[in-house]
Protein backbone atom coordinates (compact mmCIF):
# COMPACT_ATOMS: atom_id res chain seq x y z
CA MET A 1 -13.90 31.14 -37.69
CA ARG A 2 -12.16 32.21 -34.54
CA THR A 3 -15.24 31.34 -32.47
CA ILE A 4 -15.37 27.83 -33.94
CA ILE A 5 -11.71 27.23 -33.08
CA ASN A 6 -12.30 28.49 -29.50
CA VAL A 7 -15.30 26.17 -29.12
CA ILE A 8 -13.28 23.20 -30.43
CA LEU A 9 -10.37 24.04 -28.12
CA GLY A 10 -12.83 24.38 -25.21
CA ILE A 11 -14.28 20.94 -25.96
CA ILE A 12 -10.77 19.46 -26.18
CA CYS A 13 -9.89 21.07 -22.83
CA LEU A 14 -13.05 19.66 -21.22
CA PHE A 15 -12.23 16.22 -22.63
CA LEU A 16 -8.67 16.38 -21.27
CA VAL A 17 -9.97 17.47 -17.85
CA TRP A 18 -12.38 14.52 -17.90
CA VAL A 19 -9.54 12.12 -18.86
CA LEU A 20 -7.39 13.51 -16.05
CA TYR A 21 -10.25 13.17 -13.56
CA ARG A 22 -10.92 9.54 -14.62
CA SER A 23 -7.22 8.67 -14.31
CA ILE A 24 -7.27 9.92 -10.72
CA GLU A 25 -10.73 8.62 -9.81
CA GLU A 26 -10.27 4.97 -10.82
CA PRO A 27 -7.30 4.16 -8.52
CA ILE A 28 -9.02 5.91 -5.60
CA LYS A 29 -12.26 3.98 -6.17
CA PHE A 30 -10.29 0.71 -6.52
CA GLU A 31 -8.36 1.24 -3.28
CA LYS A 32 -11.49 2.22 -1.36
CA GLU A 33 -13.50 -0.76 -2.63
CA LYS A 34 -10.58 -3.18 -2.12
CA ASN A 35 -10.21 -2.07 1.50
CA ARG A 36 -13.97 -2.27 2.13
CA ARG A 37 -14.27 -5.78 0.71
CA GLU A 38 -11.12 -7.11 2.38
CA LEU A 39 -12.22 -5.72 5.75
CA ALA A 40 -15.59 -7.54 5.49
CA VAL A 41 -13.84 -10.82 4.59
CA ILE A 42 -11.31 -10.38 7.42
CA GLU A 43 -14.13 -9.84 9.94
CA LYS A 44 -15.80 -13.05 8.72
CA LEU A 45 -12.49 -14.95 8.91
CA GLN A 46 -12.01 -13.74 12.49
CA LYS A 47 -15.43 -15.14 13.40
CA ILE A 48 -14.58 -18.44 11.74
CA ARG A 49 -11.29 -18.56 13.67
CA THR A 50 -13.16 -17.96 16.94
CA ALA A 51 -15.65 -20.69 16.04
CA GLN A 52 -12.80 -23.09 15.25
CA GLU A 53 -11.18 -22.32 18.61
CA LEU A 54 -14.50 -23.04 20.36
CA TYR A 55 -14.79 -26.30 18.41
CA ARG A 56 -11.24 -27.25 19.45
CA GLY A 57 -12.17 -26.53 23.08
CA ILE A 58 -14.89 -29.17 22.82
CA THR A 59 -13.28 -31.83 20.60
CA GLY A 60 -9.53 -31.22 20.86
CA GLU A 61 -9.18 -30.75 17.10
CA PHE A 62 -10.40 -28.43 14.33
CA ALA A 63 -13.55 -28.93 12.26
CA PRO A 64 -12.88 -30.32 8.76
CA ASN A 65 -16.00 -28.66 7.30
CA PHE A 66 -18.65 -26.11 8.18
CA ASP A 67 -21.42 -28.66 8.70
CA THR A 68 -19.45 -30.42 11.43
CA LEU A 69 -18.48 -27.08 12.96
CA ARG A 70 -22.10 -25.98 13.08
CA GLU A 71 -23.36 -29.31 14.48
CA VAL A 72 -20.85 -29.41 17.34
CA LEU A 73 -21.26 -25.75 18.27
CA GLU A 74 -25.05 -26.04 18.30
CA ASN A 75 -25.18 -29.27 20.32
CA GLY A 76 -21.80 -29.60 22.06
CA ARG A 77 -20.86 -28.66 25.60
CA PHE A 78 -17.76 -27.23 27.22
CA LYS A 79 -16.31 -29.20 30.13
CA ILE A 80 -15.36 -26.85 32.97
CA ILE A 81 -13.46 -28.21 35.97
CA GLN A 82 -13.68 -26.10 39.10
CA VAL A 83 -10.97 -26.57 41.73
CA PHE A 84 -11.78 -25.93 45.40
CA GLY A 85 -8.78 -25.67 47.66
CA ASP A 86 -5.10 -25.29 46.84
CA PRO A 87 -3.75 -28.15 44.66
CA ASP A 88 -0.18 -27.00 45.37
CA ASP A 89 -0.51 -27.38 49.16
CA PRO A 90 0.74 -30.91 50.09
CA ASN A 91 -0.65 -30.60 53.65
CA ASN A 92 -4.20 -29.84 52.63
CA SER A 93 -5.17 -32.76 50.38
CA GLU A 94 -8.43 -33.40 52.27
CA ALA A 95 -9.79 -29.90 51.48
CA LEU A 96 -8.97 -30.24 47.79
CA ARG A 97 -12.05 -30.92 45.71
CA TYR A 98 -12.82 -30.91 41.97
CA ASP A 99 -16.22 -30.26 40.47
CA THR A 100 -17.06 -30.72 36.79
CA ILE A 101 -19.80 -28.73 35.11
CA TYR A 102 -20.88 -28.59 31.47
CA LYS A 103 -21.89 -25.44 29.62
CA PRO A 104 -23.69 -25.47 26.24
CA ALA A 105 -21.43 -24.17 23.47
CA ILE A 106 -24.30 -22.38 21.74
CA ASP A 107 -24.44 -19.90 24.65
CA SER A 108 -20.87 -18.80 23.92
CA VAL A 109 -21.52 -18.71 20.17
CA GLN A 110 -24.53 -16.45 20.61
CA ALA A 111 -22.73 -14.23 23.12
CA LEU A 112 -19.95 -13.71 20.56
CA GLY A 113 -22.46 -12.81 17.85
CA ILE A 114 -21.51 -15.66 15.52
CA ASP A 115 -24.21 -16.69 13.04
CA LEU A 116 -23.52 -20.37 12.34
CA ALA A 117 -26.00 -20.48 9.44
CA THR A 118 -24.05 -17.95 7.34
CA LEU A 119 -20.55 -18.56 8.69
CA SER A 120 -19.26 -20.34 5.57
CA LYS A 121 -20.51 -17.73 3.06
CA VAL A 122 -18.07 -15.29 1.52
CA PRO A 123 -19.16 -11.63 1.67
CA PHE A 124 -19.98 -9.96 -1.69
CA ASN A 125 -20.58 -13.34 -3.37
CA ASP A 126 -23.89 -15.12 -2.82
CA THR A 127 -22.71 -18.53 -4.03
CA ALA A 128 -19.12 -18.81 -2.75
CA HIS A 129 -17.99 -20.47 0.48
CA PHE A 130 -14.69 -20.30 2.34
CA GLU A 131 -12.29 -23.19 1.76
CA ILE A 132 -11.47 -25.11 4.91
CA PHE A 133 -8.68 -27.59 5.62
CA ALA A 134 -8.24 -29.32 8.98
CA ASP A 135 -6.03 -32.24 9.91
CA THR A 136 -3.43 -33.37 12.42
CA ILE A 137 0.27 -33.24 11.62
CA THR A 138 3.48 -34.17 13.38
CA TYR A 139 5.16 -30.93 14.34
CA GLN A 140 8.40 -31.06 16.36
CA ASN A 141 7.72 -34.73 17.24
CA THR A 142 4.23 -33.94 18.53
CA LEU A 143 0.87 -34.68 16.91
CA VAL A 144 -0.97 -31.34 16.68
CA PRO A 145 -4.22 -30.21 15.03
CA VAL A 146 -3.92 -27.65 12.21
CA VAL A 147 -6.46 -25.62 10.27
CA GLU A 148 -6.39 -23.32 7.26
CA VAL A 149 -9.42 -21.31 6.13
CA GLY A 150 -9.43 -18.81 3.30
CA VAL A 151 -10.70 -17.54 -0.02
CA ALA A 152 -9.08 -16.18 -3.18
CA ARG A 153 -9.43 -12.43 -3.60
CA LYS A 154 -10.96 -12.87 -7.07
CA ILE A 155 -13.99 -14.52 -5.40
CA PHE A 156 -15.02 -11.42 -3.43
CA MET A 157 -13.51 -8.55 -5.42
CA GLY A 158 -16.30 -8.54 -8.03
CA PRO A 159 -15.51 -6.11 -10.87
CA TYR A 160 -12.06 -5.47 -9.39
CA ALA A 161 -10.96 -9.11 -9.73
CA ASP A 162 -9.09 -8.33 -12.94
CA PRO A 163 -5.27 -8.54 -12.71
CA SER A 164 -5.06 -5.22 -14.58
CA PHE A 165 -5.87 -3.42 -11.31
CA ALA A 166 -2.39 -4.37 -10.09
CA LYS A 167 -1.22 -1.20 -11.87
CA TYR A 168 -2.71 0.74 -8.92
CA ASP A 169 -1.31 -1.54 -6.20
CA LYS A 170 1.84 -3.53 -7.00
CA ASN A 171 1.01 -6.06 -4.24
CA TYR A 172 -2.50 -6.75 -5.55
CA ASP A 173 -3.00 -10.25 -6.95
CA PRO A 174 -6.57 -11.48 -7.40
CA GLU A 175 -5.30 -15.09 -7.30
CA SER A 176 -3.79 -14.67 -3.82
CA TYR A 177 -5.67 -15.86 -0.74
CA LEU A 178 -6.92 -14.01 2.30
CA GLN A 179 -6.67 -16.67 5.02
CA PHE A 180 -5.81 -17.64 8.56
CA GLY A 181 -4.02 -20.72 9.79
CA ASP A 182 -1.43 -22.95 8.19
CA ARG A 183 -1.80 -26.55 7.06
CA TYR A 184 1.91 -27.21 7.74
CA ALA A 185 2.31 -25.65 11.21
CA PRO A 186 0.16 -25.02 14.31
CA ASN A 187 -0.56 -21.38 13.58
CA LEU A 188 -3.85 -19.47 13.63
CA THR A 189 -2.48 -16.11 12.46
CA GLY A 190 -4.17 -14.41 9.54
CA ASN A 191 -2.07 -13.29 6.59
CA TRP A 192 -3.53 -9.79 7.03
CA GLU A 193 -1.97 -9.46 10.51
């Protein structure tokens, strides 16, 4: 009889150890996976921001969609004006000379390691694409281009997209966006910075 009770108590102890381990393991796994997924999305958003800045260097505005962004960066050219002489010297206007050259944008895109074909795709989700908004607004009496690109966390968090995981991180909201830019102000800062 005593042996049976010891075996039952041993099984209960093993079960309680397992429950304790699971209660510690789940938040650690969640935090690790959340950080891994967010880091991959942030890296992609940084590449999109760089591509948008290149696009703005060619057109003067931001791309309203990824097809336009890709088309211009594959076929567009940067205008580079070289200045020979000192433009601030009023006595030397004859030696001042300007030369304009054009450089293909695709060279810069490739040098930066940006893959235009997969730029719009959200990591960890084969079917999702980043949302993009671009327009011009009047900001402090000046017409300025603005852009906002992002994705809701629930799109890339996979099995951790459930709001119940907020019990491990009080700031976690799967409905919140990971994004850069602002549709109401000329700002390219990411909300992770």
